[in-house]
Protein backbone atom coordinates (compact mmCIF):
# COMPACT_ATOMS: atom_id res chain seq x y z
CA GLN A 1 -68.26 12.45 0.91
CA THR A 2 -67.25 12.17 4.43
CA LEU A 3 -63.77 11.11 3.40
CA VAL A 4 -63.15 14.08 1.19
CA PRO A 5 -62.09 16.43 3.94
CA GLU A 6 -59.86 13.80 5.43
CA LEU A 7 -58.20 12.97 2.17
CA THR A 8 -57.87 16.63 1.20
CA GLN A 9 -55.97 17.24 4.46
CA LYS A 10 -53.85 14.21 4.03
CA TYR A 11 -52.91 15.35 0.50
CA HIS A 12 -52.26 18.87 1.87
CA ASP A 13 -49.94 17.58 4.53
CA GLU A 14 -48.01 15.29 2.29
CA PHE A 15 -47.60 18.00 -0.32
CA VAL A 16 -46.10 20.36 2.23
CA LYS A 17 -43.88 17.59 3.63
CA GLN A 18 -42.41 16.77 0.17
CA TRP A 19 -41.72 20.29 -0.79
CA LYS A 20 -40.08 20.99 2.57
CA ALA A 21 -37.95 17.86 2.04
CA PHE A 22 -37.00 19.14 -1.44
CA LEU A 23 -35.80 22.50 0.10
CA ALA A 24 -33.94 20.65 3.00
CA ALA A 25 -32.11 18.39 0.58
CA SER A 26 -30.99 21.04 -1.79
CA ARG A 27 -27.34 22.00 -1.68
CA PHE A 28 -25.01 24.56 -3.22
CA ALA A 29 -22.50 22.51 -5.33
CA GLY A 30 -19.71 25.18 -4.90
CA TYR A 31 -17.63 27.16 -7.40
CA GLY A 32 -15.54 24.28 -8.59
CA GLU A 33 -11.79 23.82 -8.43
CA ALA A 34 -10.88 26.88 -10.34
CA GLY A 35 -12.26 29.14 -7.66
CA ALA A 36 -14.81 31.79 -7.45
CA SER A 37 -14.05 34.00 -10.33
CA ALA A 38 -16.47 36.72 -11.46
CA ASP A 39 -17.56 34.38 -14.15
CA LYS A 40 -18.25 31.63 -11.71
CA ILE A 41 -20.24 33.95 -9.49
CA GLY A 42 -22.16 35.10 -12.44
CA LYS A 43 -23.41 31.61 -12.94
CA VAL A 44 -24.39 31.39 -9.32
CA VAL A 45 -26.60 34.51 -9.39
CA GLY A 46 -27.26 34.72 -13.12
CA GLY A 47 -30.34 33.63 -15.09
CA ASN A 48 -31.51 30.12 -14.36
CA SER A 49 -28.68 29.22 -12.21
CA PRO A 50 -29.19 25.86 -10.44
CA LEU A 51 -29.22 27.55 -7.04
CA LEU A 52 -32.00 30.19 -7.94
CA MET A 53 -33.91 27.72 -10.04
CA THR A 54 -34.54 25.78 -6.70
CA PHE A 55 -36.62 28.88 -5.52
CA CYS A 56 -38.25 29.15 -8.95
CA VAL A 57 -39.44 25.55 -8.90
CA VAL A 58 -40.90 25.93 -5.40
CA ARG A 59 -42.71 29.15 -6.70
CA GLU A 60 -44.10 27.33 -9.69
CA GLN A 61 -45.27 24.35 -7.80
CA THR A 62 -46.96 26.26 -5.04
CA ASP A 63 -48.62 29.12 -7.26
CA ASP A 64 -51.87 27.21 -7.53
CA THR A 65 -52.19 26.09 -3.92
CA VAL A 66 -54.17 27.35 -1.08
CA GLN A 67 -53.06 30.40 0.88
CA ASP A 68 -51.65 28.55 3.85
CA VAL A 69 -49.27 26.45 1.56
CA GLN A 70 -48.10 29.61 -0.22
CA ASP A 71 -47.56 31.19 3.25
CA THR A 72 -45.49 28.28 4.28
CA PHE A 73 -43.13 28.62 1.36
CA ALA A 74 -43.11 32.42 1.47
CA PRO A 75 -39.35 32.58 2.09
CA ALA A 76 -38.62 30.80 -1.19
CA ARG A 77 -41.56 32.14 -3.14
CA SER A 78 -40.67 35.80 -2.38
CA LEU A 79 -37.24 35.36 -4.10
CA GLU A 80 -38.82 34.75 -7.59
CA ASP A 81 -41.64 36.30 -9.57
CA ALA A 82 -44.49 34.38 -11.25
CA GLY A 83 -43.36 32.81 -14.55
CA CYS A 84 -39.82 32.90 -13.44
CA ARG A 85 -38.75 29.96 -15.70
CA GLU A 86 -39.71 32.03 -18.80
CA LYS A 87 -38.34 35.33 -17.42
CA LEU A 88 -35.08 33.62 -16.20
CA ALA A 89 -34.83 32.58 -12.68
CA GLY A 90 -32.75 34.96 -10.58
CA GLN A 91 -33.94 38.16 -12.28
CA ALA A 92 -36.52 39.02 -9.53
CA SER A 93 -35.63 42.42 -8.02
CA GLY A 94 -35.50 40.89 -4.45
CA LEU A 95 -32.31 39.18 -5.51
CA ASP A 96 -30.56 42.31 -6.98
CA LYS A 97 -28.81 43.34 -3.79
CA TYR A 98 -27.90 39.68 -2.97
CA ALA A 99 -26.23 39.30 -6.35
CA ASP A 100 -24.38 42.69 -5.98
CA ASN A 101 -23.11 41.67 -2.55
CA LEU A 102 -21.79 38.34 -3.91
CA PHE A 103 -19.89 40.04 -6.74
CA SER A 104 -18.39 42.55 -4.33
CA LEU A 105 -17.19 39.88 -1.92
CA GLY A 106 -15.62 38.02 -4.86
CA THR A 107 -13.69 41.20 -5.88
CA CYS A 108 -12.62 41.59 -2.11
CA ILE A 109 -11.21 38.04 -2.15
CA ALA A 110 -9.45 38.60 -5.46
CA LYS A 111 -7.63 41.61 -3.83
CA VAL A 112 -6.43 39.32 -1.11
CA GLU A 113 -4.89 36.97 -3.61
CA THR A 114 -3.16 39.74 -5.46
CA ALA A 115 -1.88 41.65 -2.49
CA THR A 116 1.87 41.85 -2.58
CA THR A 117 2.85 41.78 1.19
CA PRO A 118 1.57 39.79 4.04
CA THR A 119 0.50 43.05 5.83
CA ASP A 120 -1.56 44.09 2.75
CA GLN A 121 -3.11 40.52 2.67
CA ASP A 122 -4.00 40.71 6.38
CA THR A 123 -5.63 44.07 5.97
CA GLN A 124 -7.61 43.01 3.00
CA ARG A 125 -8.71 39.77 4.70
CA LYS A 126 -10.02 41.71 7.69
CA GLN A 127 -12.05 43.89 5.24
CA CYS A 128 -13.53 40.82 3.59
CA GLN A 129 -14.22 39.20 6.92
CA GLU A 130 -16.24 42.26 7.84
CA GLN A 131 -18.09 42.10 4.42
CA VAL A 132 -18.91 38.42 5.02
CA ILE A 133 -20.68 39.42 8.26
CA ASP A 134 -22.66 42.16 6.56
CA ASP A 135 -23.65 40.01 3.66
CA ASN A 136 -24.81 37.23 5.92
CA THR A 137 -26.86 39.72 7.84
CA ALA A 138 -28.45 40.99 4.59
CA VAL A 139 -29.43 37.44 3.86
CA SER A 140 -31.16 36.90 7.18
CA GLN A 141 -32.92 40.12 6.77
CA LEU A 142 -34.02 39.27 3.15
CA VAL A 143 -35.53 36.04 4.38
CA ALA A 144 -37.11 37.68 7.51
CA LYS A 145 -39.18 39.94 5.24
CA ASN A 146 -41.21 37.06 4.21
CA PRO A 147 -40.99 34.53 7.10
CA GLY A 148 -42.20 30.90 7.05
CA PRO A 149 -41.91 27.99 9.46
CA PRO A 150 -38.35 27.86 10.94
CA ASP A 151 -37.46 24.79 8.77
CA VAL A 152 -38.35 26.47 5.57
CA SER A 153 -36.77 29.89 6.48
CA GLY A 154 -33.75 28.05 7.62
CA ALA A 155 -33.42 26.11 4.52
CA VAL A 156 -33.79 29.10 2.26
CA GLU A 157 -31.41 31.16 4.34
CA GLY A 158 -28.77 28.36 4.36
CA LEU A 159 -28.84 28.02 0.53
CA LEU A 160 -28.35 31.75 0.10
CA LYS A 161 -25.54 31.79 2.58
CA ALA A 162 -23.80 28.89 1.19
CA PRO A 163 -22.00 30.73 -1.68
CA ILE A 164 -20.94 33.48 0.90
CA GLU A 165 -19.56 30.95 3.30
CA ILE A 166 -17.34 29.27 0.67
CA LEU A 167 -15.85 32.75 -0.09
CA ALA A 168 -15.47 33.39 3.62
CA GLY A 169 -13.15 30.47 3.75
CA LYS A 170 -10.81 32.25 1.53
CA ALA A 171 -10.91 35.33 3.59
CA LYS A 172 -9.58 33.25 6.63
CA GLY A 173 -6.18 32.81 4.91
CA PRO A 174 -3.76 29.79 5.02
CA PRO A 175 -3.83 27.36 7.88
CA PRO A 176 -1.67 28.45 10.78
CA SER A 177 1.78 27.04 11.29
CA GLY A 178 2.00 24.17 13.80
CA ALA A 179 3.36 24.44 17.41
CA LYS A 180 5.67 21.41 17.15
CA ASP A 181 8.70 23.40 18.81
CA LEU A 182 6.44 24.44 21.68
CA CYS A 183 5.08 20.99 22.33
CA ALA A 184 8.59 19.46 22.07
CA GLY A 185 9.85 22.08 24.63
CA PHE A 186 6.97 21.11 27.07
CA LYS A 187 7.73 17.45 26.55
CA SER A 188 11.26 17.85 27.36
CA LEU A 189 10.84 19.97 30.37
CA SER A 190 8.01 17.71 31.65
CA ALA A 191 10.36 14.79 31.58
CA LYS A 192 13.03 16.68 33.62
CA PHE A 193 11.10 18.94 35.92
CA PRO A 194 11.66 19.69 38.80
CA ASN A 195 14.61 17.46 39.54
CA ASP A 196 16.64 17.48 36.33
CA GLY A 197 15.56 20.52 34.52
CA THR A 198 17.64 23.68 34.20
CA MET A 199 16.64 27.30 34.61
CA ASP A 200 17.34 27.82 30.94
CA ASP A 201 14.93 24.90 30.06
CA PHE A 202 12.21 26.60 32.19
CA GLN A 203 12.83 30.11 30.85
CA ASN A 204 12.96 28.77 27.25
CA ILE A 205 9.20 27.87 27.60
CA PHE A 206 7.74 30.61 29.92
CA GLN A 207 9.89 33.78 29.77
CA PRO A 208 7.75 36.70 28.43
CA GLY A 209 8.75 37.93 25.03
CA THR A 210 11.41 35.39 24.23
CA GLY A 211 9.94 32.12 25.45
CA LEU A 212 8.23 29.60 23.09
CA LEU A 213 4.85 30.27 24.71
CA ASP A 214 4.83 33.80 23.37
CA LYS A 215 6.33 32.61 20.05
CA PHE A 216 3.32 30.31 19.51
CA ALA A 217 0.50 32.52 20.86
CA PRO A 218 -2.78 31.47 19.14
CA PRO A 219 -3.60 33.32 15.90
CA SER A 220 -6.76 35.34 16.63
CA ASP A 221 -8.75 34.09 13.66
CA LYS A 222 -7.29 30.77 13.00
CA ALA A 223 -6.56 28.80 16.28
CA GLY A 224 -8.89 26.10 17.31
CA PRO A 225 -10.63 25.73 20.78
CA HIS A 226 -8.24 22.82 21.95
CA TYR A 227 -5.10 24.89 21.19
CA LYS A 228 -6.62 28.06 22.79
CA GLY A 229 -7.60 26.18 25.85
CA PHE A 230 -4.10 24.72 26.26
CA TRP A 231 -2.41 28.02 25.53
CA ALA A 232 -4.65 30.07 27.93
CA ASN A 233 -3.94 27.55 30.87
CA ALA A 234 -0.12 27.69 30.17
CA ASP A 235 -0.30 31.52 29.88
CA ALA A 236 -2.18 31.73 33.27
CA ILE A 237 0.74 29.77 34.81
CA ARG A 238 3.23 32.23 33.16
CA LYS A 239 1.43 35.24 34.45
CA ALA A 240 1.72 33.82 37.98
CA LEU A 241 5.46 33.25 37.45
CA TYR A 242 6.35 36.68 36.34
CA PRO A 243 4.98 40.11 37.29
CA PRO A 244 3.46 42.32 34.54
CA GLY A 245 6.14 43.69 32.40
CA SER A 246 8.93 41.69 33.98
CA LYS A 247 11.08 38.98 32.54
CA SER A 248 12.43 37.90 35.93
CA LEU A 249 10.84 35.07 37.85
CA GLN A 250 9.00 36.34 40.86
CA MET A 251 6.37 33.77 41.69
CA ALA A 252 4.35 34.90 44.81
CA TYR A 253 3.12 32.09 46.97
CA THR A 254 1.80 31.24 50.47
CA ILE A 255 2.56 28.16 52.49
CA THR A 256 0.07 27.37 55.12
CA ALA A 257 0.67 24.68 57.86
CA LEU A 258 -2.64 22.95 58.29
CA GLN A 259 -3.72 21.06 61.47
CA SER A 260 -1.63 17.84 61.56
CA PRO A 261 -2.93 15.20 64.15
CA GLY A 262 0.07 13.27 65.37
CA VAL A 263 2.59 15.90 64.77
CA ASN A 264 3.57 17.91 67.82
CA GLY A 265 5.81 20.60 66.25
CA PHE A 266 7.82 21.38 63.21
CA SER A 267 10.04 24.02 61.57
CA LEU A 268 9.85 24.83 57.89
CA LYS A 269 12.52 27.15 56.62
CA VAL A 270 12.55 28.54 53.00
CA GLY A 271 15.47 30.72 52.36
CA SER A 272 15.49 33.07 55.38
CA SER A 273 11.81 32.71 56.23
CA ASN A 274 10.56 30.44 58.94
CA LEU A 275 7.22 28.75 59.44
CA ASN A 276 6.68 26.70 62.65
CA THR A 277 2.99 27.30 63.80
CA PHE A 278 0.01 25.27 62.82
CA GLY A 279 -2.82 27.31 61.35
CA SER A 280 -0.42 30.08 60.18
CA SER A 281 0.83 31.12 56.78
CA LYS A 282 4.03 32.55 55.33
CA SER A 283 4.12 34.60 52.15
CA LEU A 284 7.14 33.98 49.99
CA VAL A 285 8.50 34.68 46.46
CA TRP A 286 10.25 32.08 44.34
CA ARG A 287 12.81 33.66 42.08
CA GLY A 288 14.74 30.58 40.91
CA ASP A 289 17.64 31.32 43.22
CA ALA A 290 20.25 28.65 42.92
CA GLN A 291 21.52 29.27 46.49
CA GLU A 292 18.18 28.95 48.16
CA THR A 293 17.22 26.02 50.42
CA VAL A 294 14.23 24.44 51.84
CA ASP A 295 14.70 22.82 55.22
CA LEU A 296 12.16 20.97 57.25
CA ALA A 297 12.56 19.53 60.84
CA VAL A 298 9.93 17.58 62.70
CA GLY A 299 11.47 16.53 65.83
CA SER A 300 14.52 14.64 65.08
CA GLN A 301 13.43 13.98 61.50
CA THR A 302 14.74 16.43 58.83
CA GLY A 303 14.54 16.87 55.05
CA SER A 304 16.13 19.35 52.77
CA LYS A 305 16.30 20.43 49.15
CA ALA A 306 18.47 23.13 47.47
CA GLY A 307 18.84 24.88 44.18
CA SER A 308 16.83 26.73 41.66
CA PHE A 309 13.78 24.49 41.96
CA ASP A 310 14.12 23.87 45.71
CA ILE A 311 10.50 24.33 46.54
CA PHE A 312 9.23 22.12 43.75
CA GLN A 313 11.80 19.45 44.48
CA PHE A 314 10.83 19.53 48.05
CA VAL A 315 7.18 18.90 47.30
CA ALA A 316 8.04 16.22 44.82
CA ALA A 317 10.28 14.42 47.11
CA TYR A 318 8.43 14.48 50.37
CA GLY A 319 4.91 15.29 49.42
CA GLU A 320 2.11 12.51 49.32
CA ASN A 321 -1.59 12.59 48.48
CA GLY A 322 -1.42 15.77 46.61
CA ARG A 323 -4.79 17.53 45.90
CA LEU A 324 -4.96 20.49 43.52
CA THR A 325 -7.90 22.81 44.30
CA PRO A 326 -8.86 26.48 43.61
CA GLN A 327 -7.19 27.22 47.01
CA GLY A 328 -3.85 25.77 45.95
CA TYR A 329 -1.93 22.50 46.26
CA THR A 330 -2.46 20.47 49.50
CA PHE A 331 -0.19 17.58 50.43
CA ASP A 332 0.95 15.40 53.26
CA ILE A 333 4.43 14.61 54.53
CA ARG A 334 4.57 11.30 56.44
CA VAL A 335 7.13 12.28 59.10
CA ALA A 336 8.71 8.93 59.96
CA GLN A 337 8.57 7.15 56.66
CA THR A 338 9.37 10.07 54.50
CA LEU A 339 11.90 12.07 56.49
CA GLY A 340 13.67 9.29 58.45
CA SER A 341 13.65 5.81 59.74
CA GLN A 342 10.63 4.01 61.18
CA THR A 343 9.79 5.36 64.62
CA THR A 344 6.76 5.69 66.86
CA ASN A 345 6.01 9.04 65.24
CA SER A 346 3.43 8.03 62.61
CA GLY A 347 1.91 11.52 62.18
CA LYS A 348 1.50 13.47 58.84
CA LEU A 349 2.31 17.10 58.40
CA ASN A 350 -0.23 18.75 56.25
CA LEU A 351 0.75 21.75 54.15
CA ASN A 352 -0.89 23.88 51.51
CA ILE A 353 0.97 25.89 48.91
CA ASN A 354 -1.12 28.58 47.05
CA ALA A 355 0.66 30.10 44.10
CA GLY A 356 -2.41 30.97 42.05
CA ALA A 357 -2.44 29.42 38.59
CA ALA A 358 1.27 28.30 39.22
CA SER A 359 0.03 25.91 41.90
CA GLU A 360 -0.56 23.38 39.15
CA LEU A 361 3.26 23.11 38.81
CA PHE A 362 3.34 21.36 42.25
CA GLU A 363 1.31 18.45 40.85
CA SER A 364 3.15 15.40 39.50
CA GLY A 365 3.61 15.44 35.78
CA ALA A 366 1.86 18.87 35.57
CA LEU A 367 3.56 20.19 32.38
CA GLY A 368 2.57 17.09 30.47
CA LYS A 369 -1.09 17.27 31.69
CA LEU A 370 -1.33 20.77 30.09
CA GLY A 371 -1.95 18.81 26.86
CA CYS A 372 0.06 20.77 24.32
CA ILE A 373 -1.04 20.05 20.72
CA ALA A 374 0.97 20.88 17.63
CA ASN A 375 -2.00 21.42 15.27
CA VAL A 376 -2.93 25.00 16.28
CA SER A 377 -6.15 24.84 14.30
CA GLN A 378 -7.67 22.02 16.48
């Protein structure tokens, strides 16, 4: 007799475990290859549908159990009446609204498929997407009326939402077109920038409105996180290159001469602006001027670059140990080895260029490191 309570509890625990496993393993099989027609939806929510028979079976098998077992499976039990097998599973009043919503969503999707213009399709898709949200919310509220343990409530909610989510996939429309042209443009420019690229190559990527970056903006409802991340980074660079509303390059940047042990003095001239004091900064604007030059003199050692990408070429040619930080791009210029022949001057001139998000362009291979992916949905 002393074993009876223990065995009873063991049976109780095993019974609950097995029926929880039954619910967790249950899956909605889908509408079939022909799609979710009204007839198919009718079979999903109609009498004795396989989906709703799942809840009927749980109801039947837990009818004669103790109260705490019935409470455990309340989310499933509440969806069916006693004797549901004889009365046709799915005919309980608690599922009427669910069935109506599913038929309505199916009708909405059908209108997407019959819309005659892309604009009409997009408008209808948005309506369907809003209905999907409402229908999923209604399911959550239905299950919450008779809550059970999270694993039971979650399993029941997942089963009821599965037919909705399959229809929701149709509301998302076709997969987005790829961004092969954009990635090809980045690859080509990366191989040439800054020494061999042309201003046309650069503008072809970044120019607002007409550049490839704008042409391949991520579709709001279809783009994947990787593409969104790449595009957002590239767009931040573009915004640092062009003022709002302008198609003309005007990258505002600041050059700061950091303390440079071993270097007694220097003169850095960019266009008509000159910087020659350690610890000081000069605010400049890069416009892609083909006539502009960057000239550096440290004692008798000199270095110079000219052309549309002069400042970028200057950093690429003479800069070493580049470090990209939120404060910009910091680099060293080894005076003797880089600017001239070996001399007793072994100092390094330390400079920082802060161009906001565009500071990234001063890093070697920056355009390739942005990581353009042609598959927009990734």
